[in-house]
Amino acid sequence: MSRRKTLIRAGALATAIAALAIGQSALDLTARARVVQAPRFEVDPQWPKPLPNHWVLGNVIGVGVDDRDHVFIVHRNDTFNAEQEIGAANKLSECCVPAPPVLEFDPAGNLVASWGGPPADKQYVWPASNHGVAIDNKGNVWIGGNGEGDSHILKFTHTGKFLQQIGIPGQPTNSRDTTHFGRVAKISFDLKANEAFVADGYANHRVAVLDMNTGRIKRYWGAYGNVPSDSNYGPYNPDVPLIPQFRTPVHCAEPSVDGLVYVCDRPNDRIQVFEKSGKFVKEKQIKPQTKGDGSVWDIAFSKDPQQKYIFLADGKNERIYVMDRQSLEIITEFGDGGRQPGMWFAVHSIATDSKGNIYTTETYEGKRLQKFAYKGIGSVATSQGVVWPTKR
């Protein structure tokens, strides 16, 4: 009798566990089944096309798109964890060789140009750890750096001819300095005002605004529009009030068409919005329980005239969030962590082309560039998962 009771109880427990599992599954499906209207995307697993010369990529640390919809990336061609990764370069095997730091792809995904790295003539100092790439309205290419001694910005022609070194290399952290920077994460442009907005950055704690011609720093500010401070506030803690300054890295500063600037305060899990003068407007935390690298890595705007949507790359939770730019509310999200197309390992940078397609890069061991084809506005789940191409 005792054995029979035990079996009955075990069966009841198993039934209860199964019911709970089914209930949780139903809840998950219900959450994913919520449908909203938003921009739709599909990963293009055949873009870009294979690289030549046994080339491989290191940490892909920046992406930008020019007025011809050519996609530029900058990667760190010295970020390989084992000599076998670049066996040909180390004379161990037929493959592989680090690609040059700057690569340019046409809209079809063909590699059309490559250049960059330390110059033989020492005209300028190539960053110890290049970071971010941006193309202005003249086709010039701007590159920052977040390595030791990277207190400057480099400017090149479209084909890699050196134009200008802005700032003095090898300078110490100083968020109030007007002659150099502090390990720049990214540069963006307000073309009408002829100004470059610098996320400054990995050592400094500010946004700096430059004259695009001279490189002169015109103004700068910290979080909430405060005078920036280099005080150490310690690591981010989601259970205490937000600090009055940016933590490093300040990872993006994107001006919008209506005179605002959206700043990625990455480790604080927040977007802060300013007027272009530096006057604070509002802020929004994204996934505020995210620690370590933080959730707010990079921002790109949709290509409609009003820039209705923000596309936010979160390299810690491995998502792209589609947000309403005015309310800063997340409408939908897509992606997941992984190695396959449509997934990421540390999605780092994001950009859009004139057709609304999204391009993302991955740092750490991701080491990849991906394209997400724009499919128009339509019905999507609030949590889409991997946006694999649908059957045609």
Protein backbone atom coordinates (compact mmCIF):
# COMPACT_ATOMS: atom_id res chain seq x y z
CA MET A 1 0.00 0.00 0.00
CA SER A 2 2.84 2.39 0.88
CA ARG A 3 4.50 1.75 -2.50
CA ARG A 4 1.21 2.44 -4.27
CA LYS A 5 0.74 5.76 -2.42
CA THR A 6 4.25 6.76 -3.34
CA LEU A 7 3.62 6.05 -7.02
CA ILE A 8 0.35 8.00 -6.93
CA ARG A 9 2.05 10.98 -5.30
CA ALA A 10 4.91 10.83 -7.79
CA GLY A 11 2.44 10.76 -10.67
CA ALA A 12 0.53 13.72 -9.25
CA LEU A 13 3.75 15.67 -8.83
CA ALA A 14 4.82 14.92 -12.39
CA THR A 15 1.40 16.01 -13.65
CA ALA A 16 1.64 19.26 -11.69
CA ILE A 17 5.13 19.98 -13.01
CA ALA A 18 3.99 19.30 -16.57
CA ALA A 19 1.00 21.59 -16.08
CA LEU A 20 3.25 24.36 -14.78
CA ALA A 21 5.58 23.90 -17.74
CA ILE A 22 2.68 24.03 -20.18
CA GLY A 23 1.33 27.11 -18.41
CA GLN A 24 4.71 28.86 -18.56
CA SER A 25 5.06 27.94 -22.22
CA ALA A 26 1.63 29.36 -22.89
CA LEU A 27 2.58 32.57 -21.09
CA ASP A 28 5.80 32.82 -23.15
CA LEU A 29 3.85 32.29 -26.36
CA THR A 30 1.29 34.87 -25.31
CA ALA A 31 4.01 37.42 -24.64
CA ARG A 32 5.68 36.73 -27.98
CA ALA A 33 2.32 36.75 -29.76
CA ARG A 34 1.58 40.37 -28.90
CA VAL A 35 1.54 42.14 -32.25
CA VAL A 36 2.51 45.74 -33.00
CA GLN A 37 3.08 47.83 -36.11
CA ALA A 38 6.77 48.56 -36.62
CA PRO A 39 9.60 48.47 -39.17
CA ARG A 40 10.30 44.87 -40.21
CA PHE A 41 13.70 43.36 -40.97
CA GLU A 42 15.19 40.11 -42.18
CA VAL A 43 18.83 39.12 -41.91
CA ASP A 44 20.57 38.71 -45.27
CA PRO A 45 22.81 35.67 -44.67
CA GLN A 46 24.58 36.17 -48.03
CA TRP A 47 25.78 39.71 -47.29
CA PRO A 48 28.59 40.69 -47.43
CA LYS A 49 30.30 38.45 -49.95
CA PRO A 50 33.39 36.45 -48.94
CA LEU A 51 36.60 38.40 -48.39
CA PRO A 52 39.58 37.78 -50.68
CA ASN A 53 43.18 36.84 -49.83
CA HIS A 54 42.29 34.58 -46.89
CA TRP A 55 41.41 37.75 -44.98
CA VAL A 56 39.67 37.53 -41.63
CA LEU A 57 38.27 40.19 -39.31
CA GLY A 58 39.18 41.01 -35.74
CA ASN A 59 36.89 43.02 -33.44
CA VAL A 60 34.64 44.95 -35.83
CA ILE A 61 34.38 48.15 -33.89
CA GLY A 62 32.62 50.63 -36.18
CA VAL A 63 30.30 50.92 -39.16
CA GLY A 64 29.26 53.88 -41.32
CA VAL A 65 27.39 54.39 -44.58
CA ASP A 66 28.20 57.02 -47.22
CA ASP A 67 25.87 58.82 -49.65
CA ARG A 68 26.23 56.00 -52.21
CA ASP A 69 25.14 53.42 -49.65
CA HIS A 70 28.67 52.06 -49.47
CA VAL A 71 29.28 50.48 -46.08
CA PHE A 72 32.54 51.17 -44.26
CA ILE A 73 33.76 49.16 -41.31
CA VAL A 74 36.80 49.53 -39.11
CA HIS A 75 38.13 46.50 -37.27
CA ARG A 76 41.10 45.72 -35.08
CA ASN A 77 43.37 43.55 -37.15
CA ASP A 78 45.49 42.62 -34.16
CA THR A 79 42.71 41.09 -32.03
CA PHE A 80 43.26 37.39 -32.56
CA ASN A 81 43.44 35.12 -29.55
CA ALA A 82 45.63 32.39 -30.99
CA GLU A 83 48.33 32.30 -33.62
CA GLN A 84 46.35 29.60 -35.40
CA GLU A 85 43.60 32.12 -36.21
CA ILE A 86 46.03 33.86 -38.54
CA GLY A 87 48.06 30.82 -39.48
CA ALA A 88 49.15 32.16 -42.85
CA ALA A 89 50.42 35.39 -41.30
CA ASN A 90 52.38 33.29 -38.79
CA LYS A 91 53.61 30.87 -41.49
CA LEU A 92 51.73 27.95 -39.98
CA SER A 93 49.15 27.25 -42.68
CA GLU A 94 47.45 28.54 -45.81
CA CYS A 95 44.87 30.49 -43.80
CA CYS A 96 44.41 33.15 -42.53
CA VAL A 97 45.61 36.78 -42.76
CA PRO A 98 44.23 39.86 -40.97
CA ALA A 99 42.38 42.20 -43.33
CA PRO A 100 43.41 45.88 -43.46
CA PRO A 101 41.66 47.96 -40.76
CA VAL A 102 39.22 49.84 -43.03
CA LEU A 103 37.03 47.95 -45.51
CA GLU A 104 34.50 49.41 -47.94
CA PHE A 105 31.62 47.37 -49.39
CA ASP A 106 29.20 48.33 -52.18
CA PRO A 107 25.43 47.80 -51.77
CA ALA A 108 25.70 44.31 -53.25
CA GLY A 109 28.22 43.30 -50.58
CA ASN A 110 31.31 43.36 -52.78
CA LEU A 111 34.53 44.53 -51.18
CA VAL A 112 35.61 47.57 -53.21
CA ALA A 113 38.43 49.10 -51.14
CA SER A 114 40.65 48.49 -48.12
CA TRP A 115 43.24 50.60 -46.35
CA GLY A 116 44.48 51.90 -43.00
CA GLY A 117 47.01 51.18 -40.32
CA PRO A 118 50.18 52.85 -39.07
CA PRO A 119 51.76 54.99 -41.83
CA ALA A 120 55.27 54.32 -43.04
CA ASP A 121 55.98 58.06 -43.26
CA LYS A 122 54.73 58.76 -39.70
CA GLN A 123 52.51 61.63 -40.86
CA TYR A 124 50.03 60.71 -38.17
CA VAL A 125 49.55 58.30 -35.27
CA TRP A 126 47.23 55.40 -36.04
CA PRO A 127 45.14 54.60 -32.93
CA ALA A 128 46.41 51.95 -30.58
CA SER A 129 42.84 50.59 -30.67
CA ASN A 130 40.79 52.13 -33.49
CA HIS A 131 37.13 52.66 -32.61
CA GLY A 132 34.24 54.01 -34.68
CA VAL A 133 34.10 55.10 -38.31
CA ALA A 134 31.95 57.88 -39.81
CA ILE A 135 31.67 59.33 -43.32
CA ASP A 136 30.79 62.99 -43.75
CA ASN A 137 29.01 64.76 -46.62
CA LYS A 138 32.29 65.22 -48.50
CA GLY A 139 33.05 61.53 -48.36
CA ASN A 140 35.75 62.01 -45.75
CA VAL A 141 36.28 59.19 -43.26
CA TRP A 142 36.68 59.95 -39.54
CA ILE A 143 38.15 57.42 -37.09
CA GLY A 144 38.52 57.51 -33.32
CA GLY A 145 40.44 55.29 -30.94
CA ASN A 146 39.94 53.92 -27.44
CA GLY A 147 43.37 52.53 -26.66
CA GLU A 148 46.06 53.86 -24.38
CA GLY A 149 47.27 57.22 -25.71
CA ASP A 150 44.36 57.57 -28.16
CA SER A 151 43.56 61.22 -27.40
CA HIS A 152 43.05 62.22 -31.04
CA ILE A 153 40.83 61.77 -34.11
CA LEU A 154 41.97 60.96 -37.65
CA LYS A 155 40.38 62.24 -40.85
CA PHE A 156 40.99 60.73 -44.31
CA THR A 157 39.67 61.04 -47.82
CA HIS A 158 37.23 58.44 -49.09
CA THR A 159 40.17 56.40 -50.43
CA GLY A 160 42.34 56.65 -47.34
CA LYS A 161 44.56 59.67 -48.03
CA PHE A 162 45.46 61.37 -44.77
CA LEU A 163 43.86 64.79 -44.24
CA GLN A 164 43.98 65.79 -40.60
CA GLN A 165 44.92 64.72 -37.09
CA ILE A 166 42.64 66.42 -34.59
CA GLY A 167 43.97 66.50 -31.05
CA ILE A 168 47.32 65.54 -29.61
CA PRO A 169 48.12 61.84 -29.17
CA GLY A 170 49.32 60.52 -25.84
CA GLN A 171 47.57 63.02 -23.55
CA PRO A 172 46.05 62.23 -20.13
CA THR A 173 42.34 62.09 -19.29
CA ASN A 174 40.80 65.54 -18.95
CA SER A 175 37.11 66.02 -19.72
CA ARG A 176 37.50 69.82 -19.72
CA ASP A 177 40.37 70.04 -22.15
CA THR A 178 39.86 71.88 -25.47
CA THR A 179 42.91 70.57 -27.33
CA HIS A 180 42.60 66.79 -27.14
CA PHE A 181 40.21 63.94 -26.36
CA GLY A 182 40.01 60.94 -24.07
CA ARG A 183 39.73 57.73 -26.10
CA VAL A 184 36.97 58.56 -28.56
CA ALA A 185 34.19 56.01 -29.16
CA LYS A 186 32.35 57.52 -32.13
CA ILE A 187 31.89 60.64 -34.26
CA SER A 188 28.58 61.82 -35.78
CA PHE A 189 27.64 64.92 -37.79
CA ASP A 190 25.24 67.83 -37.92
CA LEU A 191 25.93 68.76 -41.52
CA LYS A 192 23.81 71.92 -41.59
CA ALA A 193 25.77 73.37 -38.70
CA ASN A 194 29.08 71.94 -39.97
CA GLU A 195 29.62 70.32 -36.58
CA ALA A 196 30.92 66.92 -35.49
CA PHE A 197 29.57 65.39 -32.29
CA VAL A 198 32.14 63.26 -30.47
CA ALA A 199 31.32 60.58 -27.91
CA ASP A 200 34.39 61.21 -25.76
CA GLY A 201 34.44 58.46 -24.51
CA TYR A 202 36.43 55.66 -22.88
CA ALA A 203 38.55 57.91 -20.66
CA ASN A 204 36.78 61.28 -20.79
CA HIS A 205 33.14 61.60 -19.65
CA ARG A 206 31.58 63.99 -22.13
CA VAL A 207 30.13 64.93 -25.49
CA ALA A 208 32.42 67.30 -27.41
CA VAL A 209 31.29 69.34 -30.43
CA LEU A 210 33.82 70.25 -33.12
CA ASP A 211 34.02 72.55 -36.10
CA MET A 212 34.18 70.03 -38.97
CA ASN A 213 36.72 72.09 -40.91
CA THR A 214 39.20 73.13 -38.26
CA GLY A 215 38.61 70.45 -35.64
CA ARG A 216 38.32 73.11 -32.95
CA ILE A 217 36.31 72.06 -29.88
CA LYS A 218 33.43 74.54 -29.69
CA ARG A 219 31.62 73.22 -26.60
CA TYR A 220 31.22 70.14 -24.44
CA TRP A 221 29.04 68.78 -21.66
CA GLY A 222 28.55 65.88 -19.26
CA ALA A 223 25.42 64.06 -18.09
CA TYR A 224 22.36 66.26 -17.51
CA GLY A 225 24.28 69.09 -19.20
CA ASN A 226 26.62 69.34 -16.21
CA VAL A 227 30.24 70.38 -16.44
CA PRO A 228 31.87 66.99 -16.96
CA SER A 229 33.75 65.40 -14.09
CA ASP A 230 36.39 62.67 -14.16
CA SER A 231 35.53 61.55 -10.63
CA ASN A 232 35.30 57.79 -10.13
CA TYR A 233 31.76 56.86 -9.07
CA GLY A 234 32.49 53.15 -9.00
CA PRO A 235 30.63 50.46 -10.95
CA TYR A 236 26.99 50.79 -11.92
CA ASN A 237 24.49 49.59 -9.33
CA PRO A 238 20.87 49.35 -10.51
CA ASP A 239 19.61 49.56 -6.91
CA VAL A 240 20.88 53.09 -6.20
CA PRO A 241 20.03 56.45 -7.82
CA LEU A 242 21.68 57.28 -11.14
CA ILE A 243 24.88 59.27 -10.89
CA PRO A 244 25.07 62.90 -12.14
CA GLN A 245 27.80 62.14 -14.70
CA PHE A 246 28.38 59.79 -17.60
CA ARG A 247 30.22 56.58 -16.88
CA THR A 248 32.77 55.43 -19.40
CA PRO A 249 32.31 54.64 -22.12
CA VAL A 250 30.18 57.45 -23.47
CA HIS A 251 29.51 55.40 -26.59
CA CYS A 252 27.50 57.54 -29.04
CA ALA A 253 26.21 61.09 -29.55
CA GLU A 254 23.73 61.18 -32.43
CA PRO A 255 22.15 64.49 -33.60
CA SER A 256 18.61 64.22 -34.98
CA VAL A 257 16.80 66.25 -37.64
CA ASP A 258 14.84 68.23 -35.05
CA GLY A 259 17.78 69.65 -33.15
CA LEU A 260 18.27 67.01 -30.45
CA VAL A 261 21.26 64.86 -29.54
CA TYR A 262 20.84 61.27 -28.30
CA VAL A 263 23.72 60.09 -26.12
CA CYS A 264 24.60 56.48 -25.25
CA ASP A 265 25.62 56.39 -21.59
CA ARG A 266 26.42 52.72 -21.96
CA PRO A 267 27.26 51.40 -18.47
CA ASN A 268 24.41 53.43 -16.91
CA ASP A 269 21.94 51.67 -19.25
CA ARG A 270 20.53 55.01 -20.32
CA ILE A 271 19.90 57.28 -23.27
CA GLN A 272 20.14 60.95 -22.44
CA VAL A 273 18.62 63.51 -24.81
CA PHE A 274 19.93 67.07 -25.16
CA GLU A 275 19.43 70.13 -27.26
CA LYS A 276 22.45 70.69 -29.50
CA SER A 277 23.59 73.40 -27.13
CA GLY A 278 23.99 70.78 -24.40
CA LYS A 279 20.80 71.60 -22.52
CA PHE A 280 19.37 68.44 -20.96
CA VAL A 281 15.91 67.36 -22.17
CA LYS A 282 15.15 63.87 -20.85
CA GLU A 283 16.51 60.38 -20.27
CA LYS A 284 15.39 56.78 -20.52
CA GLN A 285 16.89 53.66 -19.02
CA ILE A 286 16.91 50.49 -21.11
CA LYS A 287 17.02 47.09 -19.37
CA PRO A 288 18.23 48.79 -16.16
CA GLN A 289 19.23 45.52 -14.45
CA THR A 290 21.99 45.05 -17.04
CA LYS A 291 25.43 45.26 -15.42
CA GLY A 292 28.96 45.08 -16.78
CA ASP A 293 29.10 46.38 -20.35
CA GLY A 294 25.63 47.92 -20.11
CA SER A 295 22.71 47.89 -22.53
CA VAL A 296 22.97 51.14 -24.55
CA TRP A 297 25.76 50.59 -27.09
CA ASP A 298 24.86 52.47 -30.28
CA ILE A 299 21.99 54.25 -32.00
CA ALA A 300 20.84 54.71 -35.60
CA PHE A 301 17.72 56.52 -36.80
CA SER A 302 15.13 55.38 -39.32
CA LYS A 303 15.34 57.02 -42.75
CA ASP A 304 11.89 58.63 -42.89
CA PRO A 305 12.00 62.46 -42.86
CA GLN A 306 10.93 62.63 -39.20
CA GLN A 307 13.31 59.89 -38.04
CA LYS A 308 10.36 58.32 -36.27
CA TYR A 309 12.27 55.31 -34.97
CA ILE A 310 15.49 54.65 -33.07
CA PHE A 311 17.33 51.38 -33.60
CA LEU A 312 19.33 50.66 -30.46
CA ALA A 313 22.09 48.05 -30.33
CA ASP A 314 22.43 46.23 -26.99
CA GLY A 315 25.63 44.21 -27.03
CA LYS A 316 25.17 42.73 -23.57
CA ASN A 317 21.65 41.32 -23.99
CA GLU A 318 22.22 40.75 -27.75
CA ARG A 319 19.20 42.60 -29.08
CA ILE A 320 18.22 45.39 -31.43
CA TYR A 321 15.41 47.49 -29.97
CA VAL A 322 13.05 49.36 -32.27
CA MET A 323 12.00 52.43 -30.29
CA ASP A 324 9.66 55.35 -30.79
CA ARG A 325 12.05 58.30 -30.92
CA GLN A 326 9.72 60.76 -29.24
CA SER A 327 8.62 58.62 -26.29
CA LEU A 328 11.77 56.45 -26.11
CA GLU A 329 9.51 53.44 -25.59
CA ILE A 330 10.55 50.06 -27.01
CA ILE A 331 8.03 48.89 -29.63
CA THR A 332 9.67 45.60 -30.56
CA GLU A 333 13.00 43.84 -30.34
CA PHE A 334 14.77 41.23 -32.43
CA GLY A 335 17.86 39.04 -32.41
CA ASP A 336 19.52 36.76 -29.90
CA GLY A 337 22.96 35.72 -28.75
CA GLY A 338 24.73 33.22 -30.98
CA ARG A 339 26.96 32.62 -33.98
CA GLN A 340 24.43 32.11 -36.77
CA PRO A 341 23.15 34.85 -39.11
CA GLY A 342 20.68 37.11 -37.34
CA MET A 343 22.35 36.48 -33.98
CA TRP A 344 25.20 38.32 -32.30
CA PHE A 345 28.07 37.98 -29.92
CA ALA A 346 28.52 41.56 -28.64
CA VAL A 347 26.62 43.61 -31.23
CA HIS A 348 28.61 46.82 -31.06
CA SER A 349 27.79 49.35 -33.78
CA ILE A 350 24.76 50.05 -35.95
CA ALA A 351 24.03 52.16 -39.05
CA THR A 352 21.27 52.54 -41.64
CA ASP A 353 21.47 53.19 -45.39
CA SER A 354 19.17 55.33 -47.55
CA LYS A 355 16.79 52.40 -48.12
CA GLY A 356 16.36 51.76 -44.40
CA ASN A 357 18.52 48.63 -44.21
CA ILE A 358 20.39 48.08 -40.95
CA TYR A 359 24.06 47.12 -40.66
CA THR A 360 25.57 45.81 -37.43
CA THR A 361 29.06 44.90 -36.29
CA GLU A 362 30.29 42.67 -33.48
CA THR A 363 33.26 43.03 -31.17
CA TYR A 364 34.93 40.54 -28.80
CA GLU A 365 34.61 37.12 -30.41
CA GLY A 366 31.76 38.14 -32.72
CA LYS A 367 34.12 39.70 -35.31
CA ARG A 368 31.45 40.14 -37.97
CA LEU A 369 29.44 42.53 -40.17
CA GLN A 370 25.77 41.74 -40.89
CA LYS A 371 22.97 43.27 -42.96
CA PHE A 372 19.30 43.31 -41.99
CA ALA A 373 17.11 44.08 -44.99
CA TYR A 374 14.26 46.54 -44.43
CA LYS A 375 10.86 45.01 -45.28
CA GLY A 376 8.58 47.98 -44.64
CA ILE A 377 6.18 48.74 -41.82
CA GLY A 378 4.03 45.80 -40.79
CA SER A 379 2.83 43.52 -38.03
CA VAL A 380 5.52 42.03 -35.81
CA ALA A 381 5.66 40.43 -32.38
CA THR A 382 6.95 42.58 -29.56
CA SER A 383 9.74 40.02 -29.10
CA GLN A 384 10.62 38.60 -32.51
CA GLY A 385 13.67 36.45 -31.87
CA VAL A 386 15.95 35.85 -34.84
CA VAL A 387 14.58 37.53 -37.97
CA TRP A 388 15.42 34.77 -40.42
CA PRO A 389 14.28 35.27 -44.06
CA THR A 390 10.75 34.09 -44.71
CA LYS A 391 9.96 31.66 -47.53
CA ARG A 392 9.30 33.32 -50.87
